[in-house]
Amino acid sequence: MVGEAVEPQENRREPHIVLQSGPERRFRATVGCNQIIGRYDLDGDALSFDGAASTMMACPTPLGALEGQLRDVLSATRRFRLEEQTLLLLDAEGRALAGLGTVYLR
C-alpha cells in the first residue's frame, strides 16, 4: 500500500483508520466498503492490531482488492513511525507497509 494512494470512491465512505485511545484501545478501519474493527496494542513504537472482525459485503473493484491489502497490512504491522503528518505502519524488520495521512480528532 505504500506509494499507492487510496482514493475515496463515489457514494462510499472515505478510507480511514481510527485509533481510539483509552484502556481498551480499539480501532476501526475501512477502504470504503466493509468496516473492520478490533483492538490494537501500543508500547513505545511497537504497534500491533488484533481481533479484527468485519462486515462481509461484496465490494466492487477496486475496493475488494484494497480491503485485502488493508487486512494484510494490519496483520503484519509490528511498529510505527511518525514522519511529519504521516503515520508509517512497519513490519517486524522495520519496512514500511503503509503510509497514512494523520488527522487528530477531539
N, C-alpha and C. Protein backbone atom coordinates (compact mmCIF):
# COMPACT_ATOMS: atom_id res chain seq x y z
N MET A 1 0.81 -1.19 0.00
CA MET A 1 0.00 0.00 0.00
C MET A 1 0.86 1.26 0.00
N VAL A 2 2.11 1.14 0.37
CA VAL A 2 2.98 2.30 0.34
C VAL A 2 3.16 2.73 -1.11
N GLY A 3 2.96 4.01 -1.35
CA GLY A 3 3.13 4.52 -2.71
C GLY A 3 1.86 4.51 -3.53
N GLU A 4 0.84 3.79 -3.10
CA GLU A 4 -0.44 3.75 -3.81
C GLU A 4 -1.46 4.55 -3.03
N ALA A 5 -1.92 5.63 -3.59
CA ALA A 5 -2.96 6.42 -2.92
C ALA A 5 -4.28 5.67 -2.99
N VAL A 6 -4.99 5.63 -1.89
CA VAL A 6 -6.33 5.03 -1.84
C VAL A 6 -7.31 6.19 -1.89
N GLU A 7 -7.92 6.36 -3.04
CA GLU A 7 -8.83 7.48 -3.27
C GLU A 7 -10.25 7.12 -2.85
N PRO A 8 -10.97 8.09 -2.29
CA PRO A 8 -12.38 7.84 -1.97
C PRO A 8 -13.16 7.52 -3.25
N GLN A 9 -14.07 6.57 -3.15
CA GLN A 9 -14.92 6.20 -4.27
C GLN A 9 -16.26 6.93 -4.13
N GLU A 10 -16.86 7.24 -5.25
CA GLU A 10 -18.14 7.95 -5.25
C GLU A 10 -19.19 7.14 -4.48
N ASN A 11 -19.94 7.84 -3.63
CA ASN A 11 -21.02 7.25 -2.83
C ASN A 11 -20.52 6.19 -1.85
N ARG A 12 -19.27 6.30 -1.40
CA ARG A 12 -18.69 5.37 -0.43
C ARG A 12 -18.07 6.17 0.71
N ARG A 13 -17.89 5.49 1.85
CA ARG A 13 -17.20 6.13 2.97
C ARG A 13 -15.75 6.43 2.59
N GLU A 14 -15.20 7.48 3.15
CA GLU A 14 -13.81 7.83 2.91
C GLU A 14 -12.90 6.80 3.59
N PRO A 15 -11.83 6.35 2.92
CA PRO A 15 -10.90 5.40 3.55
C PRO A 15 -10.30 6.00 4.82
N HIS A 16 -10.24 5.19 5.89
CA HIS A 16 -9.68 5.69 7.14
C HIS A 16 -9.37 4.56 8.11
N ILE A 17 -8.51 4.87 9.05
CA ILE A 17 -8.28 4.04 10.24
C ILE A 17 -8.38 4.99 11.42
N VAL A 18 -9.19 4.63 12.40
CA VAL A 18 -9.32 5.43 13.61
C VAL A 18 -8.79 4.60 14.77
N LEU A 19 -7.81 5.15 15.49
CA LEU A 19 -7.28 4.51 16.70
C LEU A 19 -7.89 5.23 17.89
N GLN A 20 -8.69 4.51 18.67
CA GLN A 20 -9.34 5.10 19.83
C GLN A 20 -8.47 4.83 21.05
N SER A 21 -8.07 5.90 21.74
CA SER A 21 -7.25 5.72 22.93
C SER A 21 -8.14 5.28 24.10
N GLY A 22 -7.51 4.99 25.20
CA GLY A 22 -8.24 4.53 26.38
C GLY A 22 -7.80 3.13 26.74
N PRO A 23 -8.37 2.59 27.79
CA PRO A 23 -7.92 1.28 28.27
C PRO A 23 -8.15 0.13 27.29
N GLU A 24 -9.18 0.22 26.44
CA GLU A 24 -9.47 -0.88 25.52
C GLU A 24 -8.73 -0.78 24.20
N ARG A 25 -8.27 0.40 23.83
CA ARG A 25 -7.52 0.62 22.58
C ARG A 25 -8.16 -0.10 21.39
N ARG A 26 -9.25 0.43 20.94
CA ARG A 26 -9.99 -0.13 19.82
C ARG A 26 -9.62 0.62 18.53
N PHE A 27 -9.79 -0.07 17.39
CA PHE A 27 -9.62 0.59 16.11
C PHE A 27 -10.79 0.24 15.21
N ARG A 28 -11.01 1.10 14.23
CA ARG A 28 -11.95 0.80 13.14
C ARG A 28 -11.31 1.30 11.86
N ALA A 29 -11.57 0.58 10.78
CA ALA A 29 -10.92 0.92 9.51
C ALA A 29 -11.83 0.53 8.36
N THR A 30 -11.65 1.22 7.25
CA THR A 30 -12.33 0.87 6.01
C THR A 30 -11.56 1.47 4.84
N VAL A 31 -11.69 0.85 3.68
CA VAL A 31 -11.20 1.47 2.44
C VAL A 31 -12.39 2.02 1.66
N GLY A 32 -13.58 1.88 2.22
CA GLY A 32 -14.78 2.41 1.59
C GLY A 32 -15.86 1.38 1.38
N CYS A 33 -15.63 0.15 1.82
CA CYS A 33 -16.63 -0.90 1.66
C CYS A 33 -16.99 -1.46 3.04
N ASN A 34 -16.36 -2.53 3.46
CA ASN A 34 -16.64 -3.13 4.76
C ASN A 34 -15.97 -2.36 5.88
N GLN A 35 -16.54 -2.46 7.06
CA GLN A 35 -15.98 -1.85 8.27
C GLN A 35 -15.21 -2.94 9.01
N ILE A 36 -13.94 -2.69 9.32
CA ILE A 36 -13.10 -3.61 10.08
C ILE A 36 -12.92 -3.01 11.47
N ILE A 37 -13.16 -3.83 12.50
CA ILE A 37 -12.99 -3.36 13.88
C ILE A 37 -12.14 -4.36 14.64
N GLY A 38 -11.50 -3.88 15.68
CA GLY A 38 -10.70 -4.76 16.52
C GLY A 38 -10.01 -3.95 17.59
N ARG A 39 -8.94 -4.51 18.15
CA ARG A 39 -8.18 -3.78 19.15
C ARG A 39 -6.73 -3.69 18.70
N TYR A 40 -6.01 -2.78 19.31
CA TYR A 40 -4.60 -2.63 19.00
C TYR A 40 -3.80 -2.55 20.29
N ASP A 41 -2.54 -2.95 20.23
CA ASP A 41 -1.61 -2.84 21.35
C ASP A 41 -0.54 -1.84 20.97
N LEU A 42 -0.19 -0.99 21.92
CA LEU A 42 0.79 0.06 21.70
C LEU A 42 1.73 0.10 22.89
N ASP A 43 3.04 0.01 22.61
CA ASP A 43 4.05 0.09 23.66
C ASP A 43 5.29 0.75 23.05
N GLY A 44 5.49 2.03 23.36
CA GLY A 44 6.58 2.77 22.72
C GLY A 44 6.29 2.89 21.24
N ASP A 45 7.22 2.39 20.39
CA ASP A 45 6.97 2.41 18.95
C ASP A 45 6.45 1.06 18.44
N ALA A 46 6.19 0.12 19.36
CA ALA A 46 5.60 -1.17 18.98
C ALA A 46 4.09 -1.01 18.82
N LEU A 47 3.57 -1.49 17.72
CA LEU A 47 2.14 -1.39 17.42
C LEU A 47 1.69 -2.67 16.73
N SER A 48 0.61 -3.25 17.22
CA SER A 48 0.04 -4.41 16.54
C SER A 48 -1.47 -4.34 16.63
N PHE A 49 -2.12 -4.94 15.65
CA PHE A 49 -3.57 -4.98 15.57
C PHE A 49 -4.02 -6.42 15.79
N ASP A 50 -5.14 -6.59 16.52
CA ASP A 50 -5.57 -7.93 16.88
C ASP A 50 -7.09 -8.00 16.91
N GLY A 51 -7.60 -9.20 16.77
CA GLY A 51 -9.03 -9.44 16.93
C GLY A 51 -9.90 -8.78 15.91
N ALA A 52 -9.41 -8.61 14.69
CA ALA A 52 -10.18 -7.90 13.68
C ALA A 52 -11.41 -8.70 13.25
N ALA A 53 -12.53 -8.02 13.24
CA ALA A 53 -13.78 -8.57 12.72
C ALA A 53 -14.28 -7.60 11.66
N SER A 54 -15.11 -8.09 10.76
CA SER A 54 -15.52 -7.24 9.65
C SER A 54 -16.93 -7.57 9.20
N THR A 55 -17.59 -6.55 8.65
CA THR A 55 -18.80 -6.83 7.89
C THR A 55 -18.36 -7.59 6.64
N MET A 56 -19.26 -8.23 5.94
CA MET A 56 -18.87 -9.11 4.83
C MET A 56 -19.62 -8.80 3.54
N MET A 57 -19.79 -7.53 3.23
CA MET A 57 -20.44 -7.16 1.97
C MET A 57 -19.51 -7.43 0.80
N ALA A 58 -20.07 -7.75 -0.34
CA ALA A 58 -19.27 -7.86 -1.56
C ALA A 58 -18.83 -6.45 -1.95
N CYS A 59 -17.56 -6.29 -2.26
CA CYS A 59 -17.01 -4.97 -2.56
C CYS A 59 -16.73 -4.86 -4.06
N PRO A 60 -17.09 -3.71 -4.65
CA PRO A 60 -16.79 -3.51 -6.07
C PRO A 60 -15.29 -3.28 -6.28
N THR A 61 -14.86 -3.46 -7.52
CA THR A 61 -13.49 -3.18 -7.91
C THR A 61 -13.27 -1.67 -7.77
N PRO A 62 -12.18 -1.22 -7.25
CA PRO A 62 -11.01 -1.90 -6.72
C PRO A 62 -11.06 -2.14 -5.21
N LEU A 63 -12.21 -1.85 -4.57
CA LEU A 63 -12.28 -1.89 -3.11
C LEU A 63 -12.02 -3.28 -2.52
N GLY A 64 -12.46 -4.33 -3.19
CA GLY A 64 -12.22 -5.68 -2.68
C GLY A 64 -10.74 -5.98 -2.53
N ALA A 65 -9.96 -5.65 -3.55
CA ALA A 65 -8.52 -5.89 -3.50
C ALA A 65 -7.85 -5.00 -2.46
N LEU A 66 -8.25 -3.74 -2.39
CA LEU A 66 -7.68 -2.82 -1.41
C LEU A 66 -7.99 -3.27 0.01
N GLU A 67 -9.19 -3.79 0.22
CA GLU A 67 -9.55 -4.28 1.55
C GLU A 67 -8.67 -5.45 1.96
N GLY A 68 -8.40 -6.35 1.02
CA GLY A 68 -7.49 -7.46 1.31
C GLY A 68 -6.09 -6.96 1.67
N GLN A 69 -5.62 -5.94 0.96
CA GLN A 69 -4.31 -5.36 1.27
C GLN A 69 -4.32 -4.72 2.65
N LEU A 70 -5.41 -4.03 3.00
CA LEU A 70 -5.50 -3.42 4.32
C LEU A 70 -5.44 -4.49 5.42
N ARG A 71 -6.17 -5.58 5.24
CA ARG A 71 -6.13 -6.68 6.23
C ARG A 71 -4.71 -7.22 6.37
N ASP A 72 -4.01 -7.39 5.24
CA ASP A 72 -2.63 -7.89 5.27
C ASP A 72 -1.72 -6.91 6.02
N VAL A 73 -1.88 -5.61 5.75
CA VAL A 73 -1.07 -4.59 6.42
C VAL A 73 -1.33 -4.62 7.93
N LEU A 74 -2.59 -4.66 8.32
CA LEU A 74 -2.91 -4.67 9.75
C LEU A 74 -2.32 -5.90 10.45
N SER A 75 -2.41 -7.06 9.82
CA SER A 75 -1.89 -8.27 10.47
C SER A 75 -0.37 -8.31 10.51
N ALA A 76 0.31 -7.62 9.59
CA ALA A 76 1.78 -7.63 9.55
C ALA A 76 2.41 -6.48 10.34
N THR A 77 1.63 -5.50 10.75
CA THR A 77 2.18 -4.33 11.46
C THR A 77 2.74 -4.74 12.82
N ARG A 78 3.98 -4.28 13.08
CA ARG A 78 4.63 -4.54 14.37
C ARG A 78 5.17 -3.27 15.01
N ARG A 79 5.35 -2.23 14.21
CA ARG A 79 5.90 -0.97 14.71
C ARG A 79 5.27 0.18 13.93
N PHE A 80 5.53 1.39 14.39
CA PHE A 80 5.08 2.56 13.66
C PHE A 80 6.14 3.65 13.79
N ARG A 81 6.03 4.62 12.88
CA ARG A 81 6.89 5.80 12.93
C ARG A 81 6.07 6.97 12.38
N LEU A 82 6.18 8.11 13.04
CA LEU A 82 5.54 9.33 12.55
C LEU A 82 6.57 10.15 11.80
N GLU A 83 6.22 10.55 10.59
CA GLU A 83 7.05 11.45 9.78
C GLU A 83 6.16 12.60 9.34
N GLU A 84 6.35 13.74 10.00
CA GLU A 84 5.51 14.91 9.78
C GLU A 84 4.05 14.53 9.98
N GLN A 85 3.22 14.60 8.96
CA GLN A 85 1.79 14.28 9.08
C GLN A 85 1.46 12.89 8.53
N THR A 86 2.43 11.99 8.53
CA THR A 86 2.22 10.64 8.02
C THR A 86 2.55 9.61 9.09
N LEU A 87 1.64 8.69 9.31
CA LEU A 87 1.85 7.55 10.18
C LEU A 87 2.31 6.39 9.31
N LEU A 88 3.53 5.92 9.52
CA LEU A 88 4.03 4.77 8.77
C LEU A 88 3.80 3.51 9.60
N LEU A 89 3.13 2.53 9.02
CA LEU A 89 2.98 1.22 9.65
C LEU A 89 4.11 0.35 9.14
N LEU A 90 4.86 -0.26 10.06
CA LEU A 90 6.07 -1.00 9.72
C LEU A 90 5.95 -2.47 10.10
N ASP A 91 6.65 -3.34 9.35
CA ASP A 91 6.68 -4.75 9.70
C ASP A 91 7.76 -5.00 10.75
N ALA A 92 7.99 -6.25 11.10
CA ALA A 92 8.94 -6.61 12.15
C ALA A 92 10.36 -6.19 11.81
N GLU A 93 10.70 -6.10 10.52
CA GLU A 93 12.03 -5.69 10.08
C GLU A 93 12.15 -4.18 9.90
N GLY A 94 11.09 -3.45 10.15
CA GLY A 94 11.12 -2.00 10.01
C GLY A 94 10.80 -1.50 8.62
N ARG A 95 10.35 -2.37 7.73
CA ARG A 95 9.96 -1.96 6.38
C ARG A 95 8.57 -1.33 6.41
N ALA A 96 8.40 -0.26 5.66
CA ALA A 96 7.11 0.43 5.60
C ALA A 96 6.09 -0.42 4.84
N LEU A 97 4.96 -0.65 5.48
CA LEU A 97 3.85 -1.38 4.86
C LEU A 97 2.82 -0.41 4.28
N ALA A 98 2.58 0.70 4.98
CA ALA A 98 1.61 1.69 4.55
C ALA A 98 1.93 3.02 5.18
N GLY A 99 1.61 4.08 4.46
CA GLY A 99 1.74 5.45 4.98
C GLY A 99 0.36 6.08 5.01
N LEU A 100 -0.04 6.54 6.17
CA LEU A 100 -1.38 7.08 6.35
C LEU A 100 -1.31 8.55 6.76
N GLY A 101 -2.06 9.39 6.09
CA GLY A 101 -2.15 10.79 6.50
C GLY A 101 -2.84 10.85 7.86
N THR A 102 -2.32 11.70 8.74
CA THR A 102 -2.87 11.77 10.11
C THR A 102 -3.79 12.96 10.27
N VAL A 103 -4.84 12.73 11.03
CA VAL A 103 -5.79 13.76 11.43
C VAL A 103 -6.07 13.50 12.91
N TYR A 104 -5.92 14.51 13.74
CA TYR A 104 -6.18 14.34 15.15
C TYR A 104 -7.59 14.81 15.46
N LEU A 105 -8.41 13.89 15.98
CA LEU A 105 -9.79 14.19 16.30
C LEU A 105 -9.90 14.54 17.78
N ARG A 106 -10.85 15.37 18.09
CA ARG A 106 -11.08 15.71 19.50
C ARG A 106 -12.25 14.96 20.03
